[in-house]
């Protein structure tokens, strides 16, 4: 890595773009002070210089199939919210990620749930070659799923009571995950849903969540929590989670809107605790393909988002995708009209990367921050699509010329 002189750029300063004749990269960090040693000069040609983007909720990095598309779109930071631990540790995956010329990824690996709870049906189905939504599949598929455990300890772990959680915890820590992903799903009806033992039809017993959070925090792991309802959100806040993997209300079914309208007191408390919310709003299109139903879902989404914004909750961009990046989520979220374009851009290139890597100096183009940026041909403040006009990419002081 060479030190760089970055000439003729319009640099994002948090409010707008400022022309700077020269900015320097010294040891992979930005500086406005000219270094004493020789540098390589890069002409930014009057382009708009912005921080790289993040994807805080995907399931795309048990392989490197989407690596090139993430780099092409300027997404340098990604959080895989649950996947196959064995697959992501394979040399052909592990050695190609978390490098200056690649995407930096954090993984949850095995999600914590109760027996047969979400995401069991998804990952056990994949392990068996049953694709789609196995929990809504044929009776034969469900019967096969119920007795299979091919992905246990790899993409999910089960805990039904405190003793079971205590027994599995050393095994879970041996996975060396980057953070804990725990599942709450309709927690107000957990006992009833758990008794039915429908694959994927429930989550963790909410009474176990405080213990799981404590164990994770003692091990230095942050906790991101899957939630479906307002009660799930309430339990997560009171249990001390660090982030939510969803905003309640993306899939309402036949239940009343009130089941998904987050209590403002819970949002206020989440803000006080600095809890992140990855809102995954766009997946509502899959759960509500009927426009009339989607309209009802969006009323709840807008209501919840306005309260998050009112209380200063940091939200993040991520679509909960398999084989898709976060662009559809960003477009859908902007179209809801709760956030302005400048607010959305800050969410995508500042708040999202920092939620994924809270200890790193990223998401800003100030001195002492990592020399990671995109150069755009068009001003992104004018149109979201202008984020796709990337002419140059630099990550940690390395010029990515082969993208």
Protein backbone atom coordinates (compact mmCIF):
# COMPACT_ATOMS: atom_id res chain seq x y z
CA UNK A 1 0.00 0.00 0.00
CA UNK A 2 1.36 3.38 -1.04
CA UNK A 3 0.60 6.74 0.49
CA UNK A 4 -1.66 8.75 -1.78
CA UNK A 5 -2.26 12.32 -2.87
CA UNK A 6 -5.95 12.59 -3.81
CA UNK A 7 -6.43 15.61 -6.06
CA UNK A 8 -9.44 17.52 -7.36
CA UNK A 9 -12.26 15.91 -5.40
CA UNK A 10 -15.56 17.24 -4.07
CA UNK A 11 -15.51 15.76 -0.57
CA UNK A 12 -18.57 15.01 1.55
CA UNK A 13 -18.22 16.85 4.88
CA UNK A 14 -21.43 15.71 6.56
CA UNK A 15 -23.53 18.56 5.21
CA UNK A 16 -22.54 18.96 1.58
CA UNK A 17 -19.65 18.69 -0.85
CA UNK A 18 -16.51 20.79 -0.50
CA UNK A 19 -13.85 21.16 -3.16
CA UNK A 20 -10.39 20.23 -1.90
CA UNK A 21 -7.28 20.57 -4.03
CA UNK A 22 -5.59 17.68 -2.22
CA UNK A 23 -6.35 15.17 0.52
CA UNK A 24 -3.80 12.57 1.55
CA UNK A 25 -3.82 8.94 2.57
CA UNK A 26 -0.99 8.12 4.99
CA UNK A 27 -0.72 4.55 6.19
CA UNK A 28 -4.27 3.92 5.05
CA UNK A 29 -5.73 6.87 6.99
CA UNK A 30 -7.02 10.20 5.68
CA UNK A 31 -5.05 13.36 6.37
CA UNK A 32 -5.17 16.98 5.26
CA UNK A 33 -1.48 17.34 6.13
CA UNK A 34 1.00 16.72 3.30
CA UNK A 35 3.22 13.73 4.18
CA UNK A 36 6.99 14.09 4.06
CA UNK A 37 7.49 10.84 2.14
CA UNK A 38 6.65 10.30 -1.55
CA UNK A 39 3.06 9.62 -2.59
CA UNK A 40 1.19 8.30 -5.57
CA UNK A 41 -1.12 10.92 -7.08
CA UNK A 42 -4.69 10.05 -8.03
CA UNK A 43 -6.82 12.56 -9.89
CA UNK A 44 -10.44 12.37 -8.72
CA UNK A 45 -11.44 14.51 -11.72
CA UNK A 46 -13.97 16.64 -9.88
CA UNK A 47 -15.96 13.64 -8.71
CA UNK A 48 -18.19 13.51 -5.65
CA UNK A 49 -16.32 11.69 -2.88
CA UNK A 50 -18.52 9.79 -0.40
CA UNK A 51 -18.05 7.04 2.20
CA UNK A 52 -18.64 3.43 1.08
CA UNK A 53 -21.99 1.77 1.75
CA UNK A 54 -23.02 -0.98 4.14
CA UNK A 55 -25.49 -3.87 4.23
CA UNK A 56 -26.50 -4.68 7.80
CA UNK A 57 -28.81 -7.64 7.08
CA UNK A 58 -28.12 -10.27 4.46
CA UNK A 59 -27.50 -14.00 4.12
CA UNK A 60 -25.09 -13.82 1.21
CA UNK A 61 -21.63 -14.62 2.53
CA UNK A 62 -21.50 -18.35 3.10
CA UNK A 63 -20.01 -18.13 -0.40
CA UNK A 64 -18.35 -15.42 -2.46
CA UNK A 65 -20.83 -15.54 -5.33
CA UNK A 66 -21.97 -11.97 -4.68
CA UNK A 67 -18.58 -10.50 -3.79
CA UNK A 68 -18.07 -8.82 -7.18
CA UNK A 69 -21.54 -7.25 -7.19
CA UNK A 70 -21.08 -5.83 -3.68
CA UNK A 71 -17.79 -4.21 -4.67
CA UNK A 72 -19.28 -2.93 -7.91
CA UNK A 73 -22.09 -1.25 -5.96
CA UNK A 74 -19.64 0.29 -3.50
CA UNK A 75 -20.78 -1.85 -0.55
CA UNK A 76 -17.63 -2.48 1.49
CA UNK A 77 -19.24 -3.56 4.79
CA UNK A 78 -21.72 -6.41 5.28
CA UNK A 79 -23.36 -8.22 8.16
CA UNK A 80 -24.50 -11.78 7.49
CA UNK A 81 -27.36 -12.32 9.94
CA UNK A 82 -27.16 -16.10 10.07
CA UNK A 83 -25.66 -18.67 7.74
CA UNK A 84 -23.66 -21.87 7.58
CA UNK A 85 -20.62 -21.65 9.84
CA UNK A 86 -18.87 -24.46 7.98
CA UNK A 87 -19.41 -22.85 4.59
CA UNK A 88 -18.18 -19.40 5.54
CA UNK A 89 -15.03 -20.85 7.16
CA UNK A 90 -14.06 -22.77 4.02
CA UNK A 91 -10.77 -21.41 2.64
CA UNK A 92 -12.35 -20.38 -0.67
CA UNK A 93 -14.63 -18.04 1.33
CA UNK A 94 -12.67 -17.02 4.41
CA UNK A 95 -9.48 -16.12 2.53
CA UNK A 96 -11.30 -13.93 0.01
CA UNK A 97 -13.14 -11.67 2.48
CA UNK A 98 -12.08 -9.13 5.12
CA UNK A 99 -9.17 -7.87 3.03
CA UNK A 100 -8.38 -4.37 1.76
CA UNK A 101 -9.38 -5.43 -1.75
CA UNK A 102 -12.62 -7.14 -0.69
CA UNK A 103 -15.76 -6.78 1.42
CA UNK A 104 -15.46 -6.73 5.21
CA UNK A 105 -18.03 -9.14 6.67
CA UNK A 106 -19.28 -10.02 10.14
CA UNK A 107 -21.28 -13.23 10.64
CA UNK A 108 -23.79 -14.47 13.19
CA UNK A 109 -23.55 -18.10 12.05
CA UNK A 110 -25.95 -20.29 14.04
CA UNK A 111 -29.07 -18.39 15.15
CA UNK A 112 -30.39 -19.09 18.65
CA UNK A 113 -34.00 -20.30 18.72
CA UNK A 114 -36.14 -23.03 20.32
CA UNK A 115 -36.66 -26.50 18.93
CA UNK A 116 -37.96 -26.30 15.35
CA UNK A 117 -38.14 -22.49 15.60
CA UNK A 118 -37.16 -20.04 12.88
CA UNK A 119 -34.77 -20.26 10.99
CA UNK A 120 -34.78 -24.05 11.34
CA UNK A 121 -37.12 -24.65 8.38
CA UNK A 122 -35.05 -22.47 6.06
CA UNK A 123 -31.62 -23.92 6.79
CA UNK A 124 -32.67 -27.51 7.41
CA UNK A 125 -34.61 -27.30 4.18
CA UNK A 126 -31.50 -26.10 2.35
CA UNK A 127 -29.47 -28.92 3.90
CA UNK A 128 -32.05 -31.43 2.65
CA UNK A 129 -32.46 -29.84 -0.77
CA UNK A 130 -35.97 -28.59 0.04
CA UNK A 131 -36.09 -25.02 -1.24
CA UNK A 132 -38.51 -22.13 -0.99
CA UNK A 133 -40.50 -21.88 2.22
CA UNK A 134 -40.41 -25.40 3.68
CA UNK A 135 -42.61 -24.50 6.66
CA UNK A 136 -45.48 -24.02 4.19
CA UNK A 137 -44.59 -27.06 2.11
CA UNK A 138 -46.16 -30.47 1.79
CA UNK A 139 -46.92 -32.64 4.85
CA UNK A 140 -44.20 -35.00 3.64
CA UNK A 141 -41.62 -32.21 3.65
CA UNK A 142 -42.66 -31.07 7.11
CA UNK A 143 -42.43 -34.61 8.46
CA UNK A 144 -38.94 -34.96 6.99
CA UNK A 145 -37.84 -31.60 8.37
CA UNK A 146 -39.03 -32.32 11.89
CA UNK A 147 -36.70 -35.27 12.41
CA UNK A 148 -33.70 -33.91 10.50
CA UNK A 149 -30.83 -32.05 12.19
CA UNK A 150 -28.23 -31.70 9.44
CA UNK A 151 -27.74 -27.97 10.00
CA UNK A 152 -27.96 -27.99 13.81
CA UNK A 153 -24.95 -26.34 15.40
CA UNK A 154 -24.06 -24.91 12.02
CA UNK A 155 -26.90 -22.58 10.97
CA UNK A 156 -29.11 -22.80 14.08
CA UNK A 157 -28.97 -23.91 17.71
CA UNK A 158 -31.88 -24.91 19.95
CA UNK A 159 -32.51 -23.92 23.58
CA UNK A 160 -35.87 -24.61 25.20
CA UNK A 161 -35.06 -24.01 28.88
CA UNK A 162 -32.24 -22.57 31.03
CA UNK A 163 -30.54 -25.94 31.42
CA UNK A 164 -30.50 -26.53 27.65
CA UNK A 165 -29.07 -23.04 27.08
CA UNK A 166 -26.33 -23.64 29.64
CA UNK A 167 -25.39 -26.97 28.03
CA UNK A 168 -25.16 -25.63 24.49
CA UNK A 169 -23.40 -22.38 25.32
CA UNK A 170 -19.79 -23.71 25.30
CA UNK A 171 -20.51 -25.37 21.96
CA UNK A 172 -21.94 -22.14 20.61
CA UNK A 173 -18.92 -20.12 21.73
CA UNK A 174 -16.67 -22.66 20.00
CA UNK A 175 -18.17 -21.49 16.69
CA UNK A 176 -16.36 -18.17 17.26
CA UNK A 177 -19.15 -16.11 15.78
CA UNK A 178 -18.84 -12.33 15.45
CA UNK A 179 -22.16 -11.68 17.19
CA UNK A 180 -25.23 -13.52 18.46
CA UNK A 181 -28.40 -13.60 16.37
CA UNK A 182 -31.39 -14.56 18.50
CA UNK A 183 -34.94 -15.15 17.31
CA UNK A 184 -38.13 -13.75 18.82
CA UNK A 185 -41.26 -14.45 16.82
CA UNK A 186 -44.74 -13.67 18.14
CA UNK A 187 -43.36 -14.04 21.65
CA UNK A 188 -46.73 -13.19 23.20
CA UNK A 189 -47.95 -16.54 21.83
CA UNK A 190 -44.72 -18.50 22.29
CA UNK A 191 -46.12 -21.30 24.49
CA UNK A 192 -49.02 -21.95 22.15
CA UNK A 193 -46.92 -21.84 18.98
CA UNK A 194 -44.11 -23.93 20.47
CA UNK A 195 -46.59 -26.64 21.42
CA UNK A 196 -47.70 -26.95 17.80
CA UNK A 197 -44.09 -27.70 16.73
CA UNK A 198 -44.59 -26.39 13.20
CA UNK A 199 -41.14 -26.01 11.61
CA UNK A 200 -40.22 -22.33 11.65
CA UNK A 201 -43.42 -21.28 13.43
CA UNK A 202 -41.92 -19.72 16.56
CA UNK A 203 -38.69 -18.43 18.10
CA UNK A 204 -36.90 -18.49 21.44
CA UNK A 205 -38.84 -18.59 24.68
CA UNK A 206 -38.81 -14.87 25.61
CA UNK A 207 -38.06 -15.77 29.22
CA UNK A 208 -34.64 -17.06 28.08
CA UNK A 209 -33.58 -13.90 26.26
CA UNK A 210 -32.10 -12.00 29.25
CA UNK A 211 -29.91 -15.01 30.07
CA UNK A 212 -28.78 -15.34 26.45
CA UNK A 213 -27.97 -11.62 26.23
CA UNK A 214 -26.01 -11.75 29.48
CA UNK A 215 -23.98 -14.75 28.29
CA UNK A 216 -23.26 -13.07 24.96
CA UNK A 217 -22.20 -9.79 26.54
CA UNK A 218 -19.98 -11.64 29.02
CA UNK A 219 -18.28 -13.23 25.99
CA UNK A 220 -17.86 -9.84 24.28
CA UNK A 221 -20.56 -10.51 21.69
CA UNK A 222 -23.22 -8.04 20.67
CA UNK A 223 -26.77 -9.34 20.22
CA UNK A 224 -29.01 -8.68 17.22
CA UNK A 225 -32.59 -9.85 17.65
CA UNK A 226 -35.07 -10.98 15.00
CA UNK A 227 -38.52 -9.59 15.86
CA UNK A 228 -41.95 -9.80 14.26
CA UNK A 229 -44.31 -8.00 16.65
CA UNK A 230 -44.39 -4.99 18.95
CA UNK A 231 -44.23 -7.35 21.93
CA UNK A 232 -41.07 -8.93 20.52
CA UNK A 233 -39.57 -5.43 20.34
CA UNK A 234 -40.60 -4.75 23.95
CA UNK A 235 -38.98 -7.96 25.19
CA UNK A 236 -35.81 -7.26 23.22
CA UNK A 237 -35.42 -3.75 24.62
CA UNK A 238 -35.98 -4.86 28.19
CA UNK A 239 -33.57 -7.78 27.74
CA UNK A 240 -30.70 -5.55 26.64
CA UNK A 241 -30.18 -6.47 22.99
CA UNK A 242 -27.88 -4.27 20.92
CA UNK A 243 -29.85 -4.25 17.69
CA UNK A 244 -33.03 -5.42 16.02
CA UNK A 245 -32.87 -7.34 12.75
CA UNK A 246 -36.34 -6.18 11.65
CA UNK A 247 -38.93 -3.50 12.21
CA UNK A 248 -42.24 -5.07 13.34
CA UNK A 249 -44.97 -4.97 10.73
CA UNK A 250 -43.34 -6.27 7.55
CA UNK A 251 -45.65 -9.31 7.53
CA UNK A 252 -48.94 -8.67 9.34
CA UNK A 253 -51.10 -11.55 8.15
CA UNK A 254 -54.60 -11.44 9.60
CA UNK A 255 -53.62 -9.81 12.89
CA UNK A 256 -54.63 -6.23 13.73
CA UNK A 257 -52.22 -3.39 13.12
CA UNK A 258 -51.99 -2.80 16.88
CA UNK A 259 -49.94 -5.99 17.23
CA UNK A 260 -47.17 -4.33 15.24
CA UNK A 261 -47.36 -0.73 16.44
CA UNK A 262 -44.35 -0.30 18.73
CA UNK A 263 -45.02 1.35 22.08
CA UNK A 264 -43.43 4.80 22.11
CA UNK A 265 -42.03 4.17 25.58
CA UNK A 266 -40.13 1.16 24.21
CA UNK A 267 -38.71 3.28 21.38
CA UNK A 268 -37.69 5.95 23.87
CA UNK A 269 -35.91 3.32 25.96
CA UNK A 270 -34.26 1.81 22.89
CA UNK A 271 -32.91 5.26 22.02
CA UNK A 272 -31.57 5.71 25.54
CA UNK A 273 -29.73 2.39 25.26
CA UNK A 274 -28.32 3.15 21.79
CA UNK A 275 -30.04 0.18 20.16
CA UNK A 276 -29.84 -0.03 16.36
CA UNK A 277 -32.81 -1.07 14.22
CA UNK A 278 -32.33 -2.70 10.84
CA UNK A 279 -35.75 -2.03 9.36
CA UNK A 280 -35.97 -4.45 6.36
CA UNK A 281 -39.04 -2.61 5.09
CA UNK A 282 -38.89 -3.82 1.49
CA UNK A 283 -39.53 -7.48 2.32
CA UNK A 284 -43.13 -6.43 2.96
CA UNK A 285 -43.64 -6.73 -0.80
CA UNK A 286 -43.10 -10.47 -0.54
CA UNK A 287 -45.42 -10.87 2.43
CA UNK A 288 -48.12 -8.59 1.01
CA UNK A 289 -48.21 -8.87 -2.80
CA UNK A 290 -51.78 -7.53 -2.85
CA UNK A 291 -51.51 -3.71 -3.19
CA UNK A 292 -54.41 -3.17 -0.79
CA UNK A 293 -52.76 -5.29 1.89
CA UNK A 294 -49.38 -3.66 1.25
CA UNK A 295 -50.97 -0.24 1.78
CA UNK A 296 -52.11 -1.32 5.25
CA UNK A 297 -48.64 -2.65 6.03
CA UNK A 298 -47.06 0.62 4.92
CA UNK A 299 -49.29 2.62 7.25
CA UNK A 300 -47.79 0.68 10.16
CA UNK A 301 -44.27 0.91 8.74
CA UNK A 302 -44.51 4.69 8.38
CA UNK A 303 -45.94 5.06 11.86
CA UNK A 304 -43.11 3.04 13.43
CA UNK A 305 -40.43 4.74 11.34
CA UNK A 306 -41.65 8.22 12.28
CA UNK A 307 -41.36 7.32 15.96
CA UNK A 308 -37.86 5.89 15.46
CA UNK A 309 -36.88 9.11 13.72
CA UNK A 310 -38.53 11.29 16.37
CA UNK A 311 -36.48 9.68 19.13
CA UNK A 312 -33.20 9.55 17.22
CA UNK A 313 -32.93 5.77 16.83
CA UNK A 314 -30.07 4.83 14.52
CA UNK A 315 -31.52 2.71 11.73
CA UNK A 316 -29.57 0.68 9.20
CA UNK A 317 -29.97 -0.47 5.61
CA UNK A 318 -30.30 -4.19 4.92
CA UNK A 319 -32.89 -6.27 3.12
CA UNK A 320 -32.71 -9.71 4.78
CA UNK A 321 -31.74 -11.04 1.39
CA UNK A 322 -30.55 -14.24 -0.22
CA UNK A 323 -28.90 -13.41 -3.52
CA UNK A 324 -29.88 -9.73 -3.44
CA UNK A 325 -28.03 -6.70 -2.15
CA UNK A 326 -29.56 -3.74 -0.25
CA UNK A 327 -30.54 -1.51 -3.18
CA UNK A 328 -34.25 -2.53 -3.20
CA UNK A 329 -34.42 -1.75 0.52
CA UNK A 330 -32.92 1.72 0.07
CA UNK A 331 -35.32 2.53 -2.77
CA UNK A 332 -38.37 1.27 -0.88
CA UNK A 333 -37.39 3.07 2.31
CA UNK A 334 -36.93 6.36 0.49
CA UNK A 335 -40.29 5.93 -1.27
CA UNK A 336 -42.07 5.64 2.09
CA UNK A 337 -41.34 9.33 2.52
CA UNK A 338 -40.29 9.31 6.17
CA UNK A 339 -36.65 10.11 5.43
CA UNK A 340 -35.28 12.70 3.05
CA UNK A 341 -32.64 11.72 0.52
CA UNK A 342 -29.78 13.29 2.56
CA UNK A 343 -31.05 11.47 5.66
CA UNK A 344 -31.18 8.16 3.79
CA UNK A 345 -27.66 8.64 2.44
CA UNK A 346 -26.32 9.24 5.96
CA UNK A 347 -28.08 6.09 7.12
CA UNK A 348 -26.51 4.08 4.30
CA UNK A 349 -22.93 5.35 4.32
CA UNK A 350 -22.47 6.38 7.98
CA UNK A 351 -24.88 4.70 10.39
CA UNK A 352 -24.98 1.30 8.68
CA UNK A 353 -21.20 0.73 8.46
CA UNK A 354 -20.75 1.91 12.06
CA UNK A 355 -23.48 -0.44 13.27
CA UNK A 356 -21.62 -3.35 11.68
CA UNK A 357 -18.13 -2.29 12.82
CA UNK A 358 -18.65 -0.03 15.84
CA UNK A 359 -14.97 0.07 16.78
CA UNK A 360 -13.67 1.33 13.45
CA UNK A 361 -13.24 4.87 12.14
CA UNK A 362 -15.42 4.54 9.06
CA UNK A 363 -18.48 6.28 7.63
CA UNK A 364 -16.82 9.69 7.59
CA UNK A 365 -14.13 11.38 5.47
CA UNK A 366 -12.35 13.19 8.29
CA UNK A 367 -8.67 13.07 9.19
CA UNK A 368 -7.72 9.87 11.02
CA UNK A 369 -10.51 7.84 9.42
CA UNK A 370 -9.83 4.91 7.11
CA UNK A 371 -9.04 5.90 3.54
CA UNK A 372 -12.15 4.23 2.14
CA UNK A 373 -14.37 6.08 -0.29
CA UNK A 374 -16.26 6.09 -3.57
CA UNK A 375 -15.96 8.69 -6.30
CA UNK A 376 -19.24 9.44 -8.10
CA UNK A 377 -19.70 11.12 -11.45
CA UNK A 378 -23.03 12.63 -10.34
CA UNK A 379 -24.22 14.31 -7.15
CA UNK A 380 -26.10 11.78 -4.96
CA UNK A 381 -27.97 14.60 -3.20
CA UNK A 382 -29.90 15.14 -6.41
CA UNK A 383 -30.99 11.55 -7.01
CA UNK A 384 -30.47 8.23 -5.22
CA UNK A 385 -29.62 6.53 -8.52
CA UNK A 386 -26.53 8.75 -8.73
CA UNK A 387 -24.94 6.45 -6.14
CA UNK A 388 -24.50 4.01 -9.02
CA UNK A 389 -22.26 6.38 -11.01
CA UNK A 390 -19.09 5.11 -9.35
CA UNK A 391 -15.90 5.97 -11.22
CA UNK A 392 -13.32 5.05 -8.55
CA UNK A 393 -13.21 2.92 -5.39
CA UNK A 394 -10.57 3.10 -2.65
CA UNK A 395 -10.60 0.86 0.43
CA UNK A 396 -8.18 1.28 3.33
CA UNK A 397 -5.79 3.09 1.02
CA UNK A 398 -5.95 0.46 -1.75
CA UNK A 399 -7.21 1.50 -5.15
CA UNK A 400 -9.65 -1.14 -6.39
CA UNK A 401 -8.88 -1.04 -10.07
CA UNK A 402 -10.21 -4.49 -11.07
CA UNK A 403 -13.86 -3.99 -10.08
